[in-house]
Amino acid sequence: MAATTSRTLELLSLLQSHRHWTARELVDRLDVSDRTLRRDVERLRELGYGIESLRGSAGGYRLEAGTGLPPLLLTDDEGVAIAVGLRSQATAGLRGAEHTTLSALAKIEQVLPAALRRRIEALQSHAAVGTGGVGSARSARPSPEIDSELLGLLALACRDSERLRFRYTDAAGEASARVVEPYRLVPVARRWYLLAFDRDRDDWRTFRLDRMSEPFQTRVNFAPRPMTDDEARERVEHALRWRERGVSARVVAAIPREDLVAHLGWYGRDVVEIDAGHCAWPLEADAVENLVMALMWMPRGVEYRVEGSPEVLAFLAEQASRFAAAAPAAAPAPAPSAGA
């Protein structure tokens, strides 16, 4: 009986997702006989669903037009997609959109399973959707694919103030483990970002969802700081604006990570280990001059190299020549005095 019910619901789901199905298509999709298909169609009709039978070479089945919409059968991914789409539409600036789309979402939520409804409610309350911002929503660049399960998990963690652990790969390809206190999900210019407080770095950080992996729910709660949707969006957009006009480089140094961190103090919070005797220090600044200034903080006697854009490396070579020219020629050592 359970298999029969499951198959009947699958048939209903197929009829809702497609305007017209031939009998052969349904038989193949459900892996049943023609007789079983006809019996399942009759069972749905007995339940009140208007299903029209079409004869001839193009014959098959379809839901009758003009009747009430039957209950929706949604997968978890479909439910999350609808929630995100309607939430975005509500704030898209279209006249009357906010009332109609949010009322539609409320009606859909009434017939969703409790677990899926919980994920969608979390998305509604902790996704700071808005218009404008850095870049354009009509940007020609392709949108990176986002796992809807990850989106739902992050929304729940934001709503429940639950710490998260995950792996993150930055723009330079460096992977690191992060422990964060998540606050808001913010879509900007066709990408999703998580605004969170990074506990190891003791500062706010913005993470692109398509660069996150291996999320782990710690079941540890934190006391959230006050944060509105507008404040979250402004933090994310400010971070993105800074990155767009900023420059970056990486210093690879022949020194153990713990020694360089001890030397740099708070400024060494992003240093990562390469091996027992080498580490990498990522640098970011709003101008190449300010980035190169940070090299003065490297410990004396430690060998290192700089990896960066041609602009950074060219500026560094230019400054090296200027420093060499500015230094006076070394005076010869004084001759030892007589009788010494």
C-alpha atoms as a PDB file:
ATOM      1  CA  MET A   1       0.000   0.000   0.000  1.00  0.00           C
ATOM      2  CA  ALA A   2       2.854   2.395   0.816  1.00  0.00           C
ATOM      3  CA  ALA A   3       4.425   1.750  -2.611  1.00  0.00           C
ATOM      4  CA  THR A   4       1.070   2.382  -4.322  1.00  0.00           C
ATOM      5  CA  THR A   5       0.573   5.675  -2.473  1.00  0.00           C
ATOM      6  CA  SER A   6       4.109   6.799  -3.226  1.00  0.00           C
ATOM      7  CA  ARG A   7       3.695   5.976  -6.912  1.00  0.00           C
ATOM      8  CA  THR A   8       0.372   7.825  -7.095  1.00  0.00           C
ATOM      9  CA  LEU A   9       1.922  10.921  -5.544  1.00  0.00           C
ATOM     10  CA  GLU A  10       4.792  10.705  -8.009  1.00  0.00           C
ATOM     11  CA  LEU A  11       2.261  10.558 -10.856  1.00  0.00           C
ATOM     12  CA  LEU A  12       0.521  13.657  -9.484  1.00  0.00           C
ATOM     13  CA  SER A  13       3.864  15.442  -9.220  1.00  0.00           C
ATOM     14  CA  LEU A  14       4.629  14.646 -12.867  1.00  0.00           C
ATOM     15  CA  LEU A  15       1.235  15.905 -14.026  1.00  0.00           C
ATOM     16  CA  GLN A  16       1.766  19.171 -12.139  1.00  0.00           C
ATOM     17  CA  SER A  17       5.213  19.739 -13.632  1.00  0.00           C
ATOM     18  CA  HIS A  18       4.281  19.235 -17.295  1.00  0.00           C
ATOM     19  CA  ARG A  19       1.340  20.443 -19.359  1.00  0.00           C
ATOM     20  CA  HIS A  20       0.889  17.146 -21.205  1.00  0.00           C
ATOM     21  CA  TRP A  21       2.300  13.628 -20.865  1.00  0.00           C
ATOM     22  CA  THR A  22       1.859  10.775 -23.300  1.00  0.00           C
ATOM     23  CA  ALA A  23       0.917   7.442 -21.781  1.00  0.00           C
ATOM     24  CA  ARG A  24       4.225   5.969 -22.927  1.00  0.00           C
ATOM     25  CA  GLU A  25       6.224   8.727 -21.205  1.00  0.00           C
ATOM     26  CA  LEU A  26       4.399   8.149 -17.912  1.00  0.00           C
ATOM     27  CA  VAL A  27       4.768   4.373 -18.133  1.00  0.00           C
ATOM     28  CA  ASP A  28       8.509   4.750 -18.679  1.00  0.00           C
ATOM     29  CA  ARG A  29       8.973   7.350 -15.931  1.00  0.00           C
ATOM     30  CA  LEU A  30       7.007   5.379 -13.333  1.00  0.00           C
ATOM     31  CA  ASP A  31       8.217   1.957 -14.530  1.00  0.00           C
ATOM     32  CA  VAL A  32       4.694   0.497 -14.498  1.00  0.00           C
ATOM     33  CA  SER A  33       2.369  -1.235 -16.943  1.00  0.00           C
ATOM     34  CA  ASP A  34      -0.337   0.520 -18.975  1.00  0.00           C
ATOM     35  CA  ARG A  35      -3.001  -1.050 -16.741  1.00  0.00           C
ATOM     36  CA  THR A  36      -1.312   0.175 -13.557  1.00  0.00           C
ATOM     37  CA  LEU A  37      -1.045   3.683 -15.016  1.00  0.00           C
ATOM     38  CA  ARG A  38      -4.769   3.757 -15.823  1.00  0.00           C
ATOM     39  CA  ARG A  39      -5.580   2.515 -12.324  1.00  0.00           C
ATOM     40  CA  ASP A  40      -3.444   5.232 -10.711  1.00  0.00           C
ATOM     41  CA  VAL A  41      -5.090   7.895 -12.882  1.00  0.00           C
ATOM     42  CA  GLU A  42      -8.521   6.685 -11.750  1.00  0.00           C
ATOM     43  CA  ARG A  43      -7.384   6.788  -8.128  1.00  0.00           C
ATOM     44  CA  LEU A  44      -6.406  10.456  -8.513  1.00  0.00           C
ATOM     45  CA  ARG A  45      -9.757  11.236 -10.138  1.00  0.00           C
ATOM     46  CA  GLU A  46     -11.531   9.641  -7.178  1.00  0.00           C
ATOM     47  CA  LEU A  47      -9.570  11.997  -4.932  1.00  0.00           C
ATOM     48  CA  GLY A  48     -10.959  14.984  -6.839  1.00  0.00           C
ATOM     49  CA  TYR A  49      -8.211  15.765  -9.311  1.00  0.00           C
ATOM     50  CA  GLY A  50      -9.430  16.675 -12.785  1.00  0.00           C
ATOM     51  CA  ILE A  51      -7.308  14.626 -15.195  1.00  0.00           C
ATOM     52  CA  GLU A  52      -8.099  14.811 -18.892  1.00  0.00           C
ATOM     53  CA  SER A  53      -7.492  11.804 -21.170  1.00  0.00           C
ATOM     54  CA  LEU A  54      -6.489  12.563 -24.760  1.00  0.00           C
ATOM     55  CA  ARG A  55      -6.866   9.995 -27.518  1.00  0.00           C
ATOM     56  CA  GLY A  56      -5.003   9.563 -30.788  1.00  0.00           C
ATOM     57  CA  SER A  57      -1.329   9.474 -31.734  1.00  0.00           C
ATOM     58  CA  ALA A  58      -0.592  12.377 -29.376  1.00  0.00           C
ATOM     59  CA  GLY A  59      -2.847  10.979 -26.677  1.00  0.00           C
ATOM     60  CA  GLY A  60      -2.022  10.968 -23.012  1.00  0.00           C
ATOM     61  CA  TYR A  61      -2.966  12.735 -19.796  1.00  0.00           C
ATOM     62  CA  ARG A  62      -2.952  16.239 -18.390  1.00  0.00           C
ATOM     63  CA  LEU A  63      -4.522  18.150 -15.516  1.00  0.00           C
ATOM     64  CA  GLU A  64      -7.703  19.881 -16.610  1.00  0.00           C
ATOM     65  CA  ALA A  65      -7.433  23.631 -17.025  1.00  0.00           C
ATOM     66  CA  GLY A  66      -9.739  25.982 -15.165  1.00  0.00           C
ATOM     67  CA  THR A  67     -10.027  23.913 -12.014  1.00  0.00           C
ATOM     68  CA  GLY A  68      -8.586  24.739  -8.606  1.00  0.00           C
ATOM     69  CA  LEU A  69      -4.854  24.283  -8.217  1.00  0.00           C
ATOM     70  CA  PRO A  70      -4.251  20.931  -6.526  1.00  0.00           C
ATOM     71  CA  PRO A  71      -1.961  20.715  -3.499  1.00  0.00           C
ATOM     72  CA  LEU A  72       1.661  21.337  -4.502  1.00  0.00           C
ATOM     73  CA  LEU A  73       4.190  18.545  -4.132  1.00  0.00           C
ATOM     74  CA  LEU A  74       7.581  20.178  -3.704  1.00  0.00           C
ATOM     75  CA  THR A  75      11.011  18.760  -3.109  1.00  0.00           C
ATOM     76  CA  ASP A  76      13.174  20.539  -0.532  1.00  0.00           C
ATOM     77  CA  ASP A  77      15.239  22.167  -3.304  1.00  0.00           C
ATOM     78  CA  GLU A  78      12.081  23.396  -5.062  1.00  0.00           C
ATOM     79  CA  GLY A  79      10.732  24.836  -1.807  1.00  0.00           C
ATOM     80  CA  VAL A  80      13.953  26.751  -1.124  1.00  0.00           C
ATOM     81  CA  ALA A  81      14.028  28.031  -4.726  1.00  0.00           C
ATOM     82  CA  ILE A  82      10.460  29.338  -4.431  1.00  0.00           C
ATOM     83  CA  ALA A  83      11.214  31.035  -1.112  1.00  0.00           C
ATOM     84  CA  VAL A  84      14.303  32.786  -2.481  1.00  0.00           C
ATOM     85  CA  GLY A  85      12.531  33.799  -5.691  1.00  0.00           C
ATOM     86  CA  LEU A  86       9.450  35.213  -3.989  1.00  0.00           C
ATOM     87  CA  ARG A  87      11.511  36.948  -1.318  1.00  0.00           C
ATOM     88  CA  SER A  88      13.644  38.619  -4.025  1.00  0.00           C
ATOM     89  CA  GLN A  89      10.550  39.599  -6.010  1.00  0.00           C
ATOM     90  CA  ALA A  90       9.022  41.200  -2.933  1.00  0.00           C
ATOM     91  CA  THR A  91      11.917  43.659  -2.741  1.00  0.00           C
ATOM     92  CA  ALA A  92      12.508  44.146  -6.458  1.00  0.00           C
ATOM     93  CA  GLY A  93      10.870  47.567  -6.509  1.00  0.00           C
ATOM     94  CA  LEU A  94       7.821  46.544  -8.577  1.00  0.00           C
ATOM     95  CA  ARG A  95       4.542  48.212  -7.720  1.00  0.00           C
ATOM     96  CA  GLY A  96       2.380  45.885  -5.631  1.00  0.00           C
ATOM     97  CA  ALA A  97       4.994  43.118  -5.698  1.00  0.00           C
ATOM     98  CA  GLU A  98       5.661  43.041  -1.966  1.00  0.00           C
ATOM     99  CA  HIS A  99       2.044  42.336  -0.997  1.00  0.00           C
ATOM    100  CA  THR A 100       1.297  39.751  -3.693  1.00  0.00           C
ATOM    101  CA  THR A 101       4.526  37.782  -3.487  1.00  0.00           C
ATOM    102  CA  LEU A 102       4.626  37.600   0.302  1.00  0.00           C
ATOM    103  CA  SER A 103       0.973  36.542   0.423  1.00  0.00           C
ATOM    104  CA  ALA A 104       1.737  33.839  -2.157  1.00  0.00           C
ATOM    105  CA  LEU A 105       4.666  32.643  -0.070  1.00  0.00           C
ATOM    106  CA  ALA A 106       2.475  32.542   3.046  1.00  0.00           C
ATOM    107  CA  LYS A 107      -0.084  30.364   1.248  1.00  0.00           C
ATOM    108  CA  ILE A 108       2.602  27.966   0.043  1.00  0.00           C
ATOM    109  CA  GLU A 109       4.080  27.673   3.531  1.00  0.00           C
ATOM    110  CA  GLN A 110       0.753  26.454   4.912  1.00  0.00           C
ATOM    111  CA  VAL A 111       0.966  23.205   2.947  1.00  0.00           C
ATOM    112  CA  LEU A 112       4.704  22.523   3.302  1.00  0.00           C
ATOM    113  CA  PRO A 113       6.158  19.886   5.627  1.00  0.00           C
ATOM    114  CA  ALA A 114       7.351  21.248   8.970  1.00  0.00           C
ATOM    115  CA  ALA A 115      11.066  20.645   8.259  1.00  0.00           C
ATOM    116  CA  LEU A 116      10.948  22.418   4.901  1.00  0.00           C
ATOM    117  CA  ARG A 117       8.812  25.234   6.310  1.00  0.00           C
ATOM    118  CA  ARG A 118      11.445  25.776   9.020  1.00  0.00           C
ATOM    119  CA  ARG A 119      14.179  26.209   6.407  1.00  0.00           C
ATOM    120  CA  ILE A 120      12.094  28.653   4.372  1.00  0.00           C
ATOM    121  CA  GLU A 121      11.161  30.703   7.435  1.00  0.00           C
ATOM    122  CA  ALA A 122      14.862  30.965   8.282  1.00  0.00           C
ATOM    123  CA  LEU A 123      15.599  32.203   4.773  1.00  0.00           C
ATOM    124  CA  GLN A 124      12.856  34.803   5.040  1.00  0.00           C
ATOM    125  CA  SER A 125      14.117  36.184   8.326  1.00  0.00           C
ATOM    126  CA  HIS A 126      17.888  36.021   7.738  1.00  0.00           C
ATOM    127  CA  ALA A 127      18.388  36.697   4.027  1.00  0.00           C
ATOM    128  CA  ALA A 128      19.031  40.413   3.546  1.00  0.00           C
ATOM    129  CA  VAL A 129      17.588  40.698   0.039  1.00  0.00           C
ATOM    130  CA  GLY A 130      17.570  44.116  -1.602  1.00  0.00           C
ATOM    131  CA  THR A 131      18.155  46.020  -4.809  1.00  0.00           C
ATOM    132  CA  GLY A 132      21.167  47.811  -6.247  1.00  0.00           C
ATOM    133  CA  GLY A 133      24.466  47.376  -4.508  1.00  0.00           C
ATOM    134  CA  VAL A 134      27.898  46.492  -5.791  1.00  0.00           C
ATOM    135  CA  GLY A 135      27.761  45.310  -9.367  1.00  0.00           C
ATOM    136  CA  SER A 136      24.534  44.740 -11.203  1.00  0.00           C
ATOM    137  CA  ALA A 137      21.904  42.055 -10.833  1.00  0.00           C
ATOM    138  CA  ARG A 138      21.844  42.083 -14.633  1.00  0.00           C
ATOM    139  CA  SER A 139      25.565  41.377 -14.834  1.00  0.00           C
ATOM    140  CA  ALA A 140      26.572  39.246 -17.800  1.00  0.00           C
ATOM    141  CA  ARG A 141      28.851  37.038 -15.731  1.00  0.00           C
ATOM    142  CA  PRO A 142      27.400  33.606 -14.954  1.00  0.00           C
ATOM    143  CA  SER A 143      26.053  32.965 -11.490  1.00  0.00           C
ATOM    144  CA  PRO A 144      27.973  30.310  -9.544  1.00  0.00           C
ATOM    145  CA  GLU A 145      25.856  27.341  -8.559  1.00  0.00           C
ATOM    146  CA  ILE A 146      24.783  27.281  -4.910  1.00  0.00           C
ATOM    147  CA  ASP A 147      23.711  24.128  -3.098  1.00  0.00           C
ATOM    148  CA  SER A 148      20.203  24.796  -1.780  1.00  0.00           C
ATOM    149  CA  GLU A 149      20.917  22.493   1.169  1.00  0.00           C
ATOM    150  CA  LEU A 150      23.885  24.697   2.122  1.00  0.00           C
ATOM    151  CA  LEU A 151      21.722  27.809   1.735  1.00  0.00           C
ATOM    152  CA  GLY A 152      19.081  26.344   4.050  1.00  0.00           C
ATOM    153  CA  LEU A 153      21.658  25.189   6.605  1.00  0.00           C
ATOM    154  CA  LEU A 154      23.266  28.637   6.767  1.00  0.00           C
ATOM    155  CA  ALA A 155      19.888  30.341   7.093  1.00  0.00           C
ATOM    156  CA  LEU A 156      19.005  28.120  10.047  1.00  0.00           C
ATOM    157  CA  ALA A 157      22.385  28.782  11.692  1.00  0.00           C
ATOM    158  CA  CYS A 158      21.833  32.551  11.300  1.00  0.00           C
ATOM    159  CA  ARG A 159      18.344  32.324  12.766  1.00  0.00           C
ATOM    160  CA  ASP A 160      19.344  30.051  15.656  1.00  0.00           C
ATOM    161  CA  SER A 161      22.625  31.908  16.413  1.00  0.00           C
ATOM    162  CA  GLU A 162      24.615  28.680  16.065  1.00  0.00           C
ATOM    163  CA  ARG A 163      28.357  28.633  15.459  1.00  0.00           C
ATOM    164  CA  LEU A 164      29.537  26.977  12.259  1.00  0.00           C
ATOM    165  CA  ARG A 165      32.724  25.331  11.084  1.00  0.00           C
ATOM    166  CA  PHE A 166      33.590  25.031   7.393  1.00  0.00           C
ATOM    167  CA  ARG A 167      36.413  25.062   4.866  1.00  0.00           C
ATOM    168  CA  TYR A 168      36.835  28.218   2.824  1.00  0.00           C
ATOM    169  CA  THR A 169      38.875  28.830  -0.339  1.00  0.00           C
ATOM    170  CA  ASP A 170      39.725  32.484  -0.929  1.00  0.00           C
ATOM    171  CA  ALA A 171      40.223  34.283  -4.239  1.00  0.00           C
ATOM    172  CA  ALA A 172      43.910  33.313  -4.288  1.00  0.00           C
ATOM    173  CA  GLY A 173      43.035  29.624  -3.961  1.00  0.00           C
ATOM    174  CA  GLU A 174      44.164  29.331  -0.334  1.00  0.00           C
ATOM    175  CA  ALA A 175      42.009  26.983   1.762  1.00  0.00           C
ATOM    176  CA  SER A 176      41.514  27.467   5.483  1.00  0.00           C
ATOM    177  CA  ALA A 177      39.326  26.203   8.318  1.00  0.00           C
ATOM    178  CA  ARG A 178      36.922  28.767   9.759  1.00  0.00           C
ATOM    179  CA  VAL A 179      34.864  28.939  12.940  1.00  0.00           C
ATOM    180  CA  VAL A 180      32.282  31.715  12.678  1.00  0.00           C
ATOM    181  CA  GLU A 181      29.179  33.222  14.208  1.00  0.00           C
ATOM    182  CA  PRO A 182      26.807  33.609  11.222  1.00  0.00           C
ATOM    183  CA  TYR A 183      24.477  36.615  10.976  1.00  0.00           C
ATOM    184  CA  ARG A 184      22.977  37.179   7.514  1.00  0.00           C
ATOM    185  CA  LEU A 185      22.830  35.793   3.981  1.00  0.00           C
ATOM    186  CA  VAL A 186      23.174  38.613   1.450  1.00  0.00           C
ATOM    187  CA  PRO A 187      22.791  38.265  -2.354  1.00  0.00           C
ATOM    188  CA  VAL A 188      24.802  40.833  -4.323  1.00  0.00           C
ATOM    189  CA  ALA A 189      25.380  40.946  -8.086  1.00  0.00           C
ATOM    190  CA  ARG A 190      24.220  37.358  -8.726  1.00  0.00           C
ATOM    191  CA  ARG A 191      26.251  35.890  -5.863  1.00  0.00           C
ATOM    192  CA  TRP A 192      25.356  34.861  -2.303  1.00  0.00           C
ATOM    193  CA  TYR A 193      27.475  35.962   0.661  1.00  0.00           C
ATOM    194  CA  LEU A 194      27.481  35.013   4.341  1.00  0.00           C
ATOM    195  CA  LEU A 195      28.190  37.828   6.779  1.00  0.00           C
ATOM    196  CA  ALA A 196      29.738  36.321   9.901  1.00  0.00           C
ATOM    197  CA  PHE A 197      32.012  37.131  12.820  1.00  0.00           C
ATOM    198  CA  ASP A 198      35.217  35.095  12.483  1.00  0.00           C
ATOM    199  CA  ARG A 199      36.222  33.963  15.972  1.00  0.00           C
ATOM    200  CA  ASP A 200      39.843  33.147  15.097  1.00  0.00           C
ATOM    201  CA  ARG A 201      40.408  36.506  13.405  1.00  0.00           C
ATOM    202  CA  ASP A 202      38.267  38.433  15.896  1.00  0.00           C
ATOM    203  CA  ASP A 203      36.665  40.466  13.125  1.00  0.00           C
ATOM    204  CA  TRP A 204      33.786  40.533  10.650  1.00  0.00           C
ATOM    205  CA  ARG A 205      34.252  38.543   7.464  1.00  0.00           C
ATOM    206  CA  THR A 206      32.266  38.107   4.232  1.00  0.00           C
ATOM    207  CA  PHE A 207      32.233  34.621   2.657  1.00  0.00           C
ATOM    208  CA  ARG A 208      31.100  33.650  -0.829  1.00  0.00           C
ATOM    209  CA  LEU A 209      28.856  30.605  -0.552  1.00  0.00           C
ATOM    210  CA  ASP A 210      30.267  28.954  -3.676  1.00  0.00           C
ATOM    211  CA  ARG A 211      33.698  28.913  -1.993  1.00  0.00           C
ATOM    212  CA  MET A 212      32.469  27.198   1.178  1.00  0.00           C
ATOM    213  CA  SER A 213      32.661  23.448   1.760  1.00  0.00           C
ATOM    214  CA  GLU A 214      32.329  20.858   4.521  1.00  0.00           C
ATOM    215  CA  PRO A 215      29.915  22.875   6.707  1.00  0.00           C
ATOM    216  CA  PHE A 216      29.488  21.508  10.233  1.00  0.00           C
ATOM    217  CA  GLN A 217      26.840  22.516  12.751  1.00  0.00           C
ATOM    218  CA  THR A 218      28.566  22.784  16.135  1.00  0.00           C
ATOM    219  CA  ARG A 219      25.327  22.895  18.188  1.00  0.00           C
ATOM    220  CA  VAL A 220      26.993  25.720  20.154  1.00  0.00           C
ATOM    221  CA  ASN A 221      24.961  28.917  20.399  1.00  0.00           C
ATOM    222  CA  PHE A 222      26.261  32.461  20.738  1.00  0.00           C
ATOM    223  CA  ALA A 223      24.790  35.733  21.955  1.00  0.00           C
ATOM    224  CA  PRO A 224      24.131  37.698  18.745  1.00  0.00           C
ATOM    225  CA  ARG A 225      25.084  41.328  18.314  1.00  0.00           C
ATOM    226  CA  PRO A 226      22.267  43.632  17.129  1.00  0.00           C
ATOM    227  CA  MET A 227      22.137  43.579  13.319  1.00  0.00           C
ATOM    228  CA  THR A 228      19.483  44.768  10.848  1.00  0.00           C
ATOM    229  CA  ASP A 229      19.161  43.693   7.233  1.00  0.00           C
ATOM    230  CA  ASP A 230      20.297  47.134   6.046  1.00  0.00           C
ATOM    231  CA  GLU A 231      23.358  47.051   8.291  1.00  0.00           C
ATOM    232  CA  ALA A 232      24.278  43.566   7.073  1.00  0.00           C
ATOM    233  CA  ARG A 233      23.926  44.564   3.429  1.00  0.00           C
ATOM    234  CA  GLU A 234      26.015  47.688   3.977  1.00  0.00           C
ATOM    235  CA  ARG A 235      28.794  45.654   5.628  1.00  0.00           C
ATOM    236  CA  VAL A 236      28.889  43.192   2.735  1.00  0.00           C
ATOM    237  CA  GLU A 237      28.770  45.869   0.039  1.00  0.00           C
ATOM    238  CA  HIS A 238      31.482  47.881   1.802  1.00  0.00           C
ATOM    239  CA  ALA A 239      33.712  44.799   1.867  1.00  0.00           C
ATOM    240  CA  LEU A 240      33.097  44.151  -1.826  1.00  0.00           C
ATOM    241  CA  ARG A 241      33.760  47.774  -2.800  1.00  0.00           C
ATOM    242  CA  TRP A 242      37.048  47.657  -0.898  1.00  0.00           C
ATOM    243  CA  ARG A 243      38.074  44.443  -2.646  1.00  0.00           C
ATOM    244  CA  GLU A 244      37.232  45.824  -6.082  1.00  0.00           C
ATOM    245  CA  ARG A 245      39.564  48.810  -5.729  1.00  0.00           C
ATOM    246  CA  GLY A 246      42.162  47.115  -3.493  1.00  0.00           C
ATOM    247  CA  VAL A 247      45.320  45.163  -4.277  1.00  0.00           C
ATOM    248  CA  SER A 248      46.569  41.940  -2.774  1.00  0.00           C
ATOM    249  CA  ALA A 249      49.732  39.864  -2.573  1.00  0.00           C
ATOM    250  CA  ARG A 250      51.196  36.968  -0.613  1.00  0.00           C
ATOM    251  CA  VAL A 251      54.462  36.855   1.291  1.00  0.00           C
ATOM    252  CA  VAL A 252      56.041  33.383   1.452  1.00  0.00           C
ATOM    253  CA  ALA A 253      58.570  33.374   4.288  1.00  0.00           C
ATOM    254  CA  ALA A 254      61.184  30.899   5.516  1.00  0.00           C
ATOM    255  CA  ILE A 255      60.029  30.990   9.127  1.00  0.00           C
ATOM    256  CA  PRO A 256      57.653  28.785  11.162  1.00  0.00           C
ATOM    257  CA  ARG A 257      54.121  30.138  11.290  1.00  0.00           C
ATOM    258  CA  GLU A 258      54.046  30.486  15.082  1.00  0.00           C
ATOM    259  CA  ASP A 259      57.234  32.598  15.037  1.00  0.00           C
ATOM    260  CA  LEU A 260      55.920  35.011  12.410  1.00  0.00           C
ATOM    261  CA  VAL A 261      52.561  35.305  14.180  1.00  0.00           C
ATOM    262  CA  ALA A 262      54.361  36.080  17.445  1.00  0.00           C
ATOM    263  CA  HIS A 263      56.380  38.780  15.672  1.00  0.00           C
ATOM    264  CA  LEU A 264      53.440  40.386  13.852  1.00  0.00           C
ATOM    265  CA  GLY A 265      50.931  40.116  16.676  1.00  0.00           C
ATOM    266  CA  TRP A 266      47.352  40.987  15.682  1.00  0.00           C
ATOM    267  CA  TYR A 267      48.485  41.685  12.098  1.00  0.00           C
ATOM    268  CA  GLY A 268      49.564  38.074  11.712  1.00  0.00           C
ATOM    269  CA  ARG A 269      46.124  36.604  12.325  1.00  0.00           C
ATOM    270  CA  ASP A 270      45.798  35.487   8.677  1.00  0.00           C
ATOM    271  CA  VAL A 271      49.202  33.803   8.391  1.00  0.00           C
ATOM    272  CA  VAL A 272      48.893  30.184   7.210  1.00  0.00           C
ATOM    273  CA  GLU A 273      51.376  27.342   7.530  1.00  0.00           C
ATOM    274  CA  ILE A 274      52.966  25.853   4.409  1.00  0.00           C
ATOM    275  CA  ASP A 275      55.237  23.382   6.210  1.00  0.00           C
ATOM    276  CA  ALA A 276      57.217  23.218   9.441  1.00  0.00           C
ATOM    277  CA  GLY A 277      59.650  25.922   8.349  1.00  0.00           C
ATOM    278  CA  HIS A 278      57.607  28.063   5.956  1.00  0.00           C
ATOM    279  CA  CYS A 279      54.406  30.092   6.069  1.00  0.00           C
ATOM    280  CA  ALA A 280      52.417  32.511   3.928  1.00  0.00           C
ATOM    281  CA  TRP A 281      51.147  35.943   4.919  1.00  0.00           C
ATOM    282  CA  PRO A 282      48.300  37.269   2.696  1.00  0.00           C
ATOM    283  CA  LEU A 283      48.279  41.058   2.320  1.00  0.00           C
ATOM    284  CA  GLU A 284      45.503  43.387   1.184  1.00  0.00           C
ATOM    285  CA  ALA A 285      45.483  47.174   0.919  1.00  0.00           C
ATOM    286  CA  ASP A 286      43.654  49.980  -0.850  1.00  0.00           C
ATOM    287  CA  ALA A 287      46.813  50.956  -2.756  1.00  0.00           C
ATOM    288  CA  VAL A 288      50.012  49.214  -3.815  1.00  0.00           C
ATOM    289  CA  GLU A 289      52.112  51.707  -1.824  1.00  0.00           C
ATOM    290  CA  ASN A 290      50.362  50.779   1.416  1.00  0.00           C
ATOM    291  CA  LEU A 291      50.671  47.074   0.672  1.00  0.00           C
ATOM    292  CA  VAL A 292      54.443  47.266   0.136  1.00  0.00           C
ATOM    293  CA  MET A 293      54.835  49.212   3.398  1.00  0.00           C
ATOM    294  CA  ALA A 294      53.779  46.075   5.270  1.00  0.00           C
ATOM    295  CA  LEU A 295      56.994  44.354   4.147  1.00  0.00           C
ATOM    296  CA  MET A 296      58.895  46.582   6.578  1.00  0.00           C
ATOM    297  CA  TRP A 297      57.311  44.556   9.384  1.00  0.00           C
ATOM    298  CA  MET A 298      59.003  41.310   8.330  1.00  0.00           C
ATOM    299  CA  PRO A 299      61.608  40.084  10.857  1.00  0.00           C
ATOM    300  CA  ARG A 300      65.190  40.972  10.002  1.00  0.00           C
ATOM    301  CA  GLY A 301      67.220  38.137   8.588  1.00  0.00           C
ATOM    302  CA  VAL A 302      64.200  36.141   7.385  1.00  0.00           C
ATOM    303  CA  GLU A 303      64.242  35.273   3.700  1.00  0.00           C
ATOM    304  CA  TYR A 304      60.953  35.735   1.847  1.00  0.00           C
ATOM    305  CA  ARG A 305      59.465  36.256  -1.587  1.00  0.00           C
ATOM    306  CA  VAL A 306      56.413  38.195  -2.711  1.00  0.00           C
ATOM    307  CA  GLU A 307      53.744  36.680  -4.959  1.00  0.00           C
ATOM    308  CA  GLY A 308      51.371  39.153  -6.540  1.00  0.00           C
ATOM    309  CA  SER A 309      50.122  40.921  -9.639  1.00  0.00           C
ATOM    310  CA  PRO A 310      52.531  42.429 -12.202  1.00  0.00           C
ATOM    311  CA  GLU A 311      51.614  45.847 -10.810  1.00  0.00           C
ATOM    312  CA  VAL A 312      52.710  44.877  -7.298  1.00  0.00           C
ATOM    313  CA  LEU A 313      55.928  43.179  -8.427  1.00  0.00           C
ATOM    314  CA  ALA A 314      56.883  46.066 -10.730  1.00  0.00           C
ATOM    315  CA  PHE A 315      56.349  48.609  -7.945  1.00  0.00           C
ATOM    316  CA  LEU A 316      58.368  46.466  -5.537  1.00  0.00           C
ATOM    317  CA  ALA A 317      61.291  46.240  -7.993  1.00  0.00           C
ATOM    318  CA  GLU A 318      61.166  50.005  -8.535  1.00  0.00           C
ATOM    319  CA  GLN A 319      61.291  50.700  -4.804  1.00  0.00           C
ATOM    320  CA  ALA A 320      64.149  48.241  -4.336  1.00  0.00           C
ATOM    321  CA  SER A 321      66.187  50.210  -6.896  1.00  0.00           C
ATOM    322  CA  ARG A 322      65.343  53.494  -5.200  1.00  0.00           C
ATOM    323  CA  PHE A 323      66.344  52.144  -1.767  1.00  0.00           C
ATOM    324  CA  ALA A 324      69.633  50.877  -3.186  1.00  0.00           C
ATOM    325  CA  ALA A 325      70.355  54.248  -4.812  1.00  0.00           C
ATOM    326  CA  ALA A 326      69.423  56.136  -1.667  1.00  0.00           C
ATOM    327  CA  ALA A 327      71.843  54.223   0.553  1.00  0.00           C
ATOM    328  CA  PRO A 328      75.371  55.772   0.591  1.00  0.00           C
ATOM    329  CA  ALA A 329      78.214  53.561  -0.507  1.00  0.00           C
ATOM    330  CA  ALA A 330      79.601  51.628   2.406  1.00  0.00           C
ATOM    331  CA  ALA A 331      82.716  53.363   3.770  1.00  0.00           C
ATOM    332  CA  PRO A 332      85.864  51.215   3.880  1.00  0.00           C
ATOM    333  CA  ALA A 333      86.717  49.831   7.277  1.00  0.00           C
ATOM    334  CA  PRO A 334      89.306  51.999   9.055  1.00  0.00           C
ATOM    335  CA  ALA A 335      92.876  50.660   8.986  1.00  0.00           C
ATOM    336  CA  PRO A 336      94.116  49.320  12.301  1.00  0.00           C
ATOM    337  CA  SER A 337      96.226  51.805  14.195  1.00  0.00           C
ATOM    338  CA  ALA A 338      99.971  51.257  14.588  1.00  0.00           C
ATOM    339  CA  GLY A 339     100.870  48.994  17.387  1.00  0.00           C
ATOM    340  CA  ALA A 340      97.386  47.490  17.520  1.00  0.00           C
END
